[in-house]
Amino acid sequence: YPPKVLYLYGEVLRIDAVPEKPGMHLLGIQFEGMS
């Protein structure tokens, strides 16, 4: 309030399992097109 929303774009570089949360994935993302 007032809203400020960031639209970020990136490439998924890494995917890891989350052992304590079955079915969940930890994504590592590198931003692209960053102003």
All heavy atoms as atom14 arrays in JSON, in Angstrom:
{
  "sequence": "YPPKVLYLYGEVLRIDAVPEKPGMHLLGIQFEGMS",
  "atom14_mask": [
    [1, 1, 1, 1, 1, 1, 1, 1, 1, 1, 1, 1, 0, 0],
    [1, 1, 1, 1, 1, 1, 1, 0, 0, 0, 0, 0, 0, 0],
    [1, 1, 1, 1, 1, 1, 1, 0, 0, 0, 0, 0, 0, 0],
    [1, 1, 1, 1, 1, 1, 1, 1, 1, 0, 0, 0, 0, 0],
    [1, 1, 1, 1, 1, 1, 1, 0, 0, 0, 0, 0, 0, 0],
    [1, 1, 1, 1, 1, 1, 1, 1, 0, 0, 0, 0, 0, 0],
    [1, 1, 1, 1, 1, 1, 1, 1, 1, 1, 1, 1, 0, 0],
    [1, 1, 1, 1, 1, 1, 1, 1, 0, 0, 0, 0, 0, 0],
    [1, 1, 1, 1, 1, 1, 1, 1, 1, 1, 1, 1, 0, 0],
    [1, 1, 1, 1, 0, 0, 0, 0, 0, 0, 0, 0, 0, 0],
    [1, 1, 1, 1, 1, 1, 1, 1, 1, 0, 0, 0, 0, 0],
    [1, 1, 1, 1, 1, 1, 1, 0, 0, 0, 0, 0, 0, 0],
    [1, 1, 1, 1, 1, 1, 1, 1, 0, 0, 0, 0, 0, 0],
    [1, 1, 1, 1, 1, 1, 1, 1, 1, 1, 1, 0, 0, 0],
    [1, 1, 1, 1, 1, 1, 1, 1, 0, 0, 0, 0, 0, 0],
    [1, 1, 1, 1, 1, 1, 1, 1, 0, 0, 0, 0, 0, 0],
    [1, 1, 1, 1, 1, 0, 0, 0, 0, 0, 0, 0, 0, 0],
    [1, 1, 1, 1, 1, 1, 1, 0, 0, 0, 0, 0, 0, 0],
    [1, 1, 1, 1, 1, 1, 1, 0, 0, 0, 0, 0, 0, 0],
    [1, 1, 1, 1, 1, 1, 1, 1, 1, 0, 0, 0, 0, 0],
    [1, 1, 1, 1, 1, 1, 1, 1, 1, 0, 0, 0, 0, 0],
    [1, 1, 1, 1, 1, 1, 1, 0, 0, 0, 0, 0, 0, 0],
    [1, 1, 1, 1, 0, 0, 0, 0, 0, 0, 0, 0, 0, 0],
    [1, 1, 1, 1, 1, 1, 1, 1, 0, 0, 0, 0, 0, 0],
    [1, 1, 1, 1, 1, 1, 1, 1, 1, 1, 0, 0, 0, 0],
    [1, 1, 1, 1, 1, 1, 1, 1, 0, 0, 0, 0, 0, 0],
    [1, 1, 1, 1, 1, 1, 1, 1, 0, 0, 0, 0, 0, 0],
    [1, 1, 1, 1, 0, 0, 0, 0, 0, 0, 0, 0, 0, 0],
    [1, 1, 1, 1, 1, 1, 1, 1, 0, 0, 0, 0, 0, 0],
    [1, 1, 1, 1, 1, 1, 1, 1, 1, 0, 0, 0, 0, 0],
    [1, 1, 1, 1, 1, 1, 1, 1, 1, 1, 1, 0, 0, 0],
    [1, 1, 1, 1, 1, 1, 1, 1, 1, 0, 0, 0, 0, 0],
    [1, 1, 1, 1, 0, 0, 0, 0, 0, 0, 0, 0, 0, 0],
    [1, 1, 1, 1, 1, 1, 1, 1, 0, 0, 0, 0, 0, 0],
    [1, 1, 1, 1, 1, 1, 0, 0, 0, 0, 0, 0, 0, 0]
  ],
  "atom14_positions": [
    [[0.84, -1.2, 0.0], [0.0, 0.0, 0.0], [0.86, 1.24, 0.0], [1.5, 1.52, 1.01], [-0.93, 0.01, 1.21], [-1.77, -1.23, 1.26], [-1.47, -2.26, 2.13], [-2.86, -1.39, 0.4], [-2.23, -3.42, 2.14], [-3.61, -2.54, 0.41], [-3.3, -3.55, 1.29], [-4.04, -4.69, 1.31], [0.0, 0.0, 0.0], [0.0, 0.0, 0.0]],
    [[0.92, 2.0, -1.06], [0.36, 1.7, -2.37], [1.15, 0.58, -3.02], [2.34, 0.43, -2.77], [0.53, 3.01, -3.14], [1.69, 3.68, -2.5], [1.67, 3.27, -1.06], [0.0, 0.0, 0.0], [0.0, 0.0, 0.0], [0.0, 0.0, 0.0], [0.0, 0.0, 0.0], [0.0, 0.0, 0.0], [0.0, 0.0, 0.0], [0.0, 0.0, 0.0]],
    [[0.49, -0.21, -3.85], [1.15, -1.38, -4.42], [2.36, -1.04, -5.3], [2.35, -0.08, -6.04], [0.06, -2.03, -5.27], [-1.22, -1.48, -4.75], [-0.91, -0.11, -4.24], [0.0, 0.0, 0.0], [0.0, 0.0, 0.0], [0.0, 0.0, 0.0], [0.0, 0.0, 0.0], [0.0, 0.0, 0.0], [0.0, 0.0, 0.0], [0.0, 0.0, 0.0]],
    [[3.38, -1.85, -5.14], [4.58, -1.77, -5.99], [4.93, -3.22, -6.33], [5.37, -3.97, -5.47], [5.72, -1.09, -5.26], [6.92, -0.84, -6.14], [8.03, -0.15, -5.39], [7.7, 1.31, -5.19], [8.82, 2.06, -4.62], [0.0, 0.0, 0.0], [0.0, 0.0, 0.0], [0.0, 0.0, 0.0], [0.0, 0.0, 0.0], [0.0, 0.0, 0.0]],
    [[4.71, -3.59, -7.58], [4.91, -4.97, -8.02], [6.09, -5.02, -8.98], [6.15, -4.25, -9.94], [3.64, -5.53, -8.72], [3.85, -6.97, -9.15], [2.43, -5.41, -7.8], [0.0, 0.0, 0.0], [0.0, 0.0, 0.0], [0.0, 0.0, 0.0], [0.0, 0.0, 0.0], [0.0, 0.0, 0.0], [0.0, 0.0, 0.0], [0.0, 0.0, 0.0]],
    [[7.01, -5.93, -8.7], [8.15, -6.14, -9.6], [7.82, -7.32, -10.51], [7.4, -8.38, -10.04], [9.41, -6.45, -8.81], [9.98, -5.27, -8.08], [10.3, -5.65, -6.67], [11.19, -4.78, -8.77], [0.0, 0.0, 0.0], [0.0, 0.0, 0.0], [0.0, 0.0, 0.0], [0.0, 0.0, 0.0], [0.0, 0.0, 0.0], [0.0, 0.0, 0.0]],
    [[8.01, -7.11, -11.8], [7.91, -8.19, -12.78], [9.33, -8.54, -13.15], [10.04, -7.73, -13.76], [7.11, -7.73, -14.01], [5.63, -7.71, -13.77], [5.04, -6.69, -13.05], [4.82, -8.74, -14.24], [3.68, -6.67, -12.81], [3.45, -8.73, -14.02], [2.89, -7.69, -13.3], [1.54, -7.68, -13.07], [0.0, 0.0, 0.0], [0.0, 0.0, 0.0]],
    [[9.76, -9.72, -12.74], [11.14, -10.17, -12.96], [11.12, -11.34, -13.93], [10.21, -12.18, -13.89], [11.77, -10.58, -11.64], [11.74, -9.53, -10.53], [12.19, -10.13, -9.21], [12.6, -8.34, -10.91], [0.0, 0.0, 0.0], [0.0, 0.0, 0.0], [0.0, 0.0, 0.0], [0.0, 0.0, 0.0], [0.0, 0.0, 0.0], [0.0, 0.0, 0.0]],
    [[12.13, -11.42, -14.78], [12.23, -12.5, -15.75], [13.57, -13.18, -15.57], [14.57, -12.53, -15.26], [12.09, -11.96, -17.18], [10.76, -11.3, -17.38], [10.61, -9.93, -17.2], [9.64, -12.06, -17.67], [9.37, -9.32, -17.35], [8.4, -11.47, -17.82], [8.27, -10.1, -17.65], [7.03, -9.52, -17.79], [0.0, 0.0, 0.0], [0.0, 0.0, 0.0]],
    [[13.58, -14.48, -15.76], [14.84, -15.18, -15.59], [14.82, -16.57, -16.16], [13.8, -17.08, -16.61], [0.0, 0.0, 0.0], [0.0, 0.0, 0.0], [0.0, 0.0, 0.0], [0.0, 0.0, 0.0], [0.0, 0.0, 0.0], [0.0, 0.0, 0.0], [0.0, 0.0, 0.0], [0.0, 0.0, 0.0], [0.0, 0.0, 0.0], [0.0, 0.0, 0.0]],
    [[15.99, -17.16, -16.11], [16.2, -18.52, -16.58], [16.39, -19.43, -15.38], [17.14, -19.11, -14.46], [17.45, -18.59, -17.46], [17.77, -19.99, -17.95], [19.06, -20.03, -18.76], [19.69, -18.99, -18.98], [19.43, -21.16, -19.16], [0.0, 0.0, 0.0], [0.0, 0.0, 0.0], [0.0, 0.0, 0.0], [0.0, 0.0, 0.0], [0.0, 0.0, 0.0]],
    [[15.72, -20.59, -15.41], [15.9, -21.58, -14.37], [17.25, -22.25, -14.6], [17.46, -22.89, -15.63], [14.77, -22.63, -14.38], [15.02, -23.72, -13.35], [13.41, -21.97, -14.17], [0.0, 0.0, 0.0], [0.0, 0.0, 0.0], [0.0, 0.0, 0.0], [0.0, 0.0, 0.0], [0.0, 0.0, 0.0], [0.0, 0.0, 0.0], [0.0, 0.0, 0.0]],
    [[18.17, -22.06, -13.66], [19.5, -22.65, -13.78], [19.62, -23.95, -13.01], [20.37, -24.83, -13.39], [20.57, -21.68, -13.27], [20.74, -20.36, -14.0], [21.86, -19.55, -13.36], [21.03, -20.6, -15.47], [0.0, 0.0, 0.0], [0.0, 0.0, 0.0], [0.0, 0.0, 0.0], [0.0, 0.0, 0.0], [0.0, 0.0, 0.0], [0.0, 0.0, 0.0]],
    [[18.9, -24.05, -11.9], [19.09, -25.18, -10.99], [17.75, -25.6, -10.41], [16.9, -24.76, -10.12], [20.04, -24.73, -9.88], [20.58, -25.8, -9.03], [21.55, -25.27, -7.96], [20.83, -24.61, -6.9], [20.82, -23.31, -6.66], [21.5, -22.48, -7.43], [20.15, -22.79, -5.67], [0.0, 0.0, 0.0], [0.0, 0.0, 0.0], [0.0, 0.0, 0.0]],
    [[17.59, -26.9, -10.22], [16.4, -27.45, -9.58], [16.87, -28.48, -8.57], [17.58, -29.42, -8.92], [15.46, -28.12, -10.6], [15.06, -27.1, -11.67], [14.23, -28.69, -9.9], [14.47, -27.71, -12.9], [0.0, 0.0, 0.0], [0.0, 0.0, 0.0], [0.0, 0.0, 0.0], [0.0, 0.0, 0.0], [0.0, 0.0, 0.0], [0.0, 0.0, 0.0]],
    [[16.49, -28.27, -7.32], [16.85, -29.21, -6.27], [15.59, -29.69, -5.57], [14.61, -28.94, -5.45], [17.76, -28.52, -5.22], [19.09, -28.08, -5.8], [19.65, -28.81, -6.64], [19.57, -26.99, -5.43], [0.0, 0.0, 0.0], [0.0, 0.0, 0.0], [0.0, 0.0, 0.0], [0.0, 0.0, 0.0], [0.0, 0.0, 0.0], [0.0, 0.0, 0.0]],
    [[15.62, -30.93, -5.11], [14.52, -31.46, -4.32], [14.56, -30.81, -2.94], [15.62, -30.41, -2.46], [14.63, -32.97, -4.18], [0.0, 0.0, 0.0], [0.0, 0.0, 0.0], [0.0, 0.0, 0.0], [0.0, 0.0, 0.0], [0.0, 0.0, 0.0], [0.0, 0.0, 0.0], [0.0, 0.0, 0.0], [0.0, 0.0, 0.0], [0.0, 0.0, 0.0]],
    [[13.41, -30.69, -2.32], [13.32, -30.16, -0.95], [12.99, -31.35, -0.06], [11.83, -31.76, 0.01], [12.25, -29.05, -0.84], [12.19, -28.49, 0.57], [12.51, -27.95, -1.86], [0.0, 0.0, 0.0], [0.0, 0.0, 0.0], [0.0, 0.0, 0.0], [0.0, 0.0, 0.0], [0.0, 0.0, 0.0], [0.0, 0.0, 0.0], [0.0, 0.0, 0.0]],
    [[14.02, -31.94, 0.6], [13.81, -33.19, 1.34], [12.69, -33.13, 2.38], [11.92, -34.07, 2.52], [15.15, -33.44, 2.02], [16.14, -32.65, 1.24], [15.38, -31.48, 0.69], [0.0, 0.0, 0.0], [0.0, 0.0, 0.0], [0.0, 0.0, 0.0], [0.0, 0.0, 0.0], [0.0, 0.0, 0.0], [0.0, 0.0, 0.0], [0.0, 0.0, 0.0]],
    [[12.56, -32.0, 3.08], [11.54, -31.92, 4.13], [10.14, -31.64, 3.58], [9.17, -31.67, 4.32], [11.92, -30.87, 5.18], [12.01, -29.45, 4.68], [13.37, -29.1, 4.08], [14.24, -29.97, 3.92], [13.55, -27.92, 3.75], [0.0, 0.0, 0.0], [0.0, 0.0, 0.0], [0.0, 0.0, 0.0], [0.0, 0.0, 0.0], [0.0, 0.0, 0.0]],
    [[10.05, -31.4, 2.26], [8.76, -31.14, 1.63], [8.65, -31.98, 0.35], [8.98, -31.51, -0.73], [8.61, -29.66, 1.3], [8.56, -28.76, 2.52], [8.39, -27.32, 2.1], [8.36, -26.42, 3.32], [8.21, -25.02, 2.94], [0.0, 0.0, 0.0], [0.0, 0.0, 0.0], [0.0, 0.0, 0.0], [0.0, 0.0, 0.0], [0.0, 0.0, 0.0]],
    [[8.19, -33.22, 0.45], [8.08, -34.07, -0.74], [7.21, -33.42, -1.82], [6.19, -32.8, -1.53], [7.41, -35.35, -0.2], [7.7, -35.33, 1.26], [7.76, -33.89, 1.67], [0.0, 0.0, 0.0], [0.0, 0.0, 0.0], [0.0, 0.0, 0.0], [0.0, 0.0, 0.0], [0.0, 0.0, 0.0], [0.0, 0.0, 0.0], [0.0, 0.0, 0.0]],
    [[7.64, -33.54, -3.06], [6.91, -32.98, -4.19], [7.23, -31.51, -4.46], [6.72, -30.94, -5.41], [0.0, 0.0, 0.0], [0.0, 0.0, 0.0], [0.0, 0.0, 0.0], [0.0, 0.0, 0.0], [0.0, 0.0, 0.0], [0.0, 0.0, 0.0], [0.0, 0.0, 0.0], [0.0, 0.0, 0.0], [0.0, 0.0, 0.0], [0.0, 0.0, 0.0]],
    [[8.08, -30.93, -3.64], [8.44, -29.52, -3.82], [9.83, -29.43, -4.43], [10.67, -30.3, -4.22], [8.41, -28.78, -2.48], [7.05, -28.81, -1.78], [5.74, -28.02, -2.73], [6.04, -26.32, -2.35], [0.0, 0.0, 0.0], [0.0, 0.0, 0.0], [0.0, 0.0, 0.0], [0.0, 0.0, 0.0], [0.0, 0.0, 0.0], [0.0, 0.0, 0.0]],
    [[10.07, -28.35, -5.19], [11.34, -28.15, -5.88], [11.87, -26.76, -5.55], [11.11, -25.79, -5.52], [11.15, -28.26, -7.39], [10.36, -29.45, -7.81], [10.89, -30.71, -7.84], [9.07, -29.58, -8.17], [9.96, -31.57, -8.24], [8.85, -30.9, -8.43], [0.0, 0.0, 0.0], [0.0, 0.0, 0.0], [0.0, 0.0, 0.0], [0.0, 0.0, 0.0]],
    [[13.17, -26.67, -5.32], [13.84, -25.39, -5.11], [14.45, -24.97, -6.44], [15.3, -25.66, -6.98], [14.92, -25.52, -4.04], [15.75, -24.26, -3.79], [14.89, -23.17, -3.15], [16.93, -24.58, -2.89], [0.0, 0.0, 0.0], [0.0, 0.0, 0.0], [0.0, 0.0, 0.0], [0.0, 0.0, 0.0], [0.0, 0.0, 0.0], [0.0, 0.0, 0.0]],
    [[13.97, -23.83, -6.97], [14.46, -23.33, -8.25], [15.53, -22.28, -8.01], [15.35, -21.39, -7.16], [13.34, -22.67, -9.05], [12.11, -23.49, -9.39], [11.15, -22.65, -10.22], [12.47, -24.76, -10.1], [0.0, 0.0, 0.0], [0.0, 0.0, 0.0], [0.0, 0.0, 0.0], [0.0, 0.0, 0.0], [0.0, 0.0, 0.0], [0.0, 0.0, 0.0]],
    [[16.61, -22.35, -8.74], [17.62, -21.3, -8.77], [17.45, -20.55, -10.07], [17.53, -21.14, -11.15], [0.0, 0.0, 0.0], [0.0, 0.0, 0.0], [0.0, 0.0, 0.0], [0.0, 0.0, 0.0], [0.0, 0.0, 0.0], [0.0, 0.0, 0.0], [0.0, 0.0, 0.0], [0.0, 0.0, 0.0], [0.0, 0.0, 0.0], [0.0, 0.0, 0.0]],
    [[17.17, -19.25, -10.0], [16.82, -18.45, -11.17], [17.8, -17.29, -11.32], [18.09, -16.59, -10.35], [15.39, -17.9, -11.04], [14.41, -19.06, -10.93], [15.04, -16.98, -12.21], [13.02, -18.67, -10.48], [0.0, 0.0, 0.0], [0.0, 0.0, 0.0], [0.0, 0.0, 0.0], [0.0, 0.0, 0.0], [0.0, 0.0, 0.0], [0.0, 0.0, 0.0]],
    [[18.32, -17.12, -12.54], [19.18, -15.97, -12.85], [18.34, -14.99, -13.65], [17.73, -15.34, -14.66], [20.39, -16.41, -13.66], [21.3, -15.26, -13.99], [22.53, -15.74, -14.75], [22.71, -16.92, -15.03], [23.4, -14.8, -15.09], [0.0, 0.0, 0.0], [0.0, 0.0, 0.0], [0.0, 0.0, 0.0], [0.0, 0.0, 0.0], [0.0, 0.0, 0.0]],
    [[18.31, -13.72, -13.2], [17.5, -12.71, -13.87], [18.05, -12.35, -15.23], [19.26, -12.37, -15.46], [17.4, -11.44, -13.02], [16.64, -11.63, -11.73], [17.07, -11.01, -10.57], [15.51, -12.42, -11.66], [16.38, -11.16, -9.38], [14.82, -12.6, -10.48], [15.26, -11.96, -9.34], [0.0, 0.0, 0.0], [0.0, 0.0, 0.0], [0.0, 0.0, 0.0]],
    [[17.13, -11.99, -16.13], [17.45, -11.51, -17.47], [16.67, -10.22, -17.69], [15.59, -10.05, -17.14], [17.02, -12.54, -18.53], [17.71, -13.86, -18.41], [17.17, -14.89, -19.4], [16.04, -14.72, -19.9], [17.88, -15.86, -19.65], [0.0, 0.0, 0.0], [0.0, 0.0, 0.0], [0.0, 0.0, 0.0], [0.0, 0.0, 0.0], [0.0, 0.0, 0.0]],
    [[17.2, -9.34, -18.5], [16.49, -8.1, -18.82], [16.33, -7.18, -17.63], [15.34, -6.45, -17.54], [0.0, 0.0, 0.0], [0.0, 0.0, 0.0], [0.0, 0.0, 0.0], [0.0, 0.0, 0.0], [0.0, 0.0, 0.0], [0.0, 0.0, 0.0], [0.0, 0.0, 0.0], [0.0, 0.0, 0.0], [0.0, 0.0, 0.0], [0.0, 0.0, 0.0]],
    [[17.29, -7.2, -16.73], [17.22, -6.4, -15.51], [17.57, -4.95, -15.81], [18.66, -4.67, -16.32], [18.16, -6.97, -14.45], [18.19, -6.21, -13.15], [16.62, -6.2, -12.27], [16.53, -7.88, -11.7], [0.0, 0.0, 0.0], [0.0, 0.0, 0.0], [0.0, 0.0, 0.0], [0.0, 0.0, 0.0], [0.0, 0.0, 0.0], [0.0, 0.0, 0.0]],
    [[16.66, -4.05, -15.48], [16.94, -2.61, -15.65], [17.59, -2.09, -14.37], [17.46, -2.68, -13.3], [15.65, -1.84, -15.93], [14.84, -1.8, -14.77], [0.0, 0.0, 0.0], [0.0, 0.0, 0.0], [0.0, 0.0, 0.0], [0.0, 0.0, 0.0], [0.0, 0.0, 0.0], [0.0, 0.0, 0.0], [0.0, 0.0, 0.0], [0.0, 0.0, 0.0]]
  ]
}
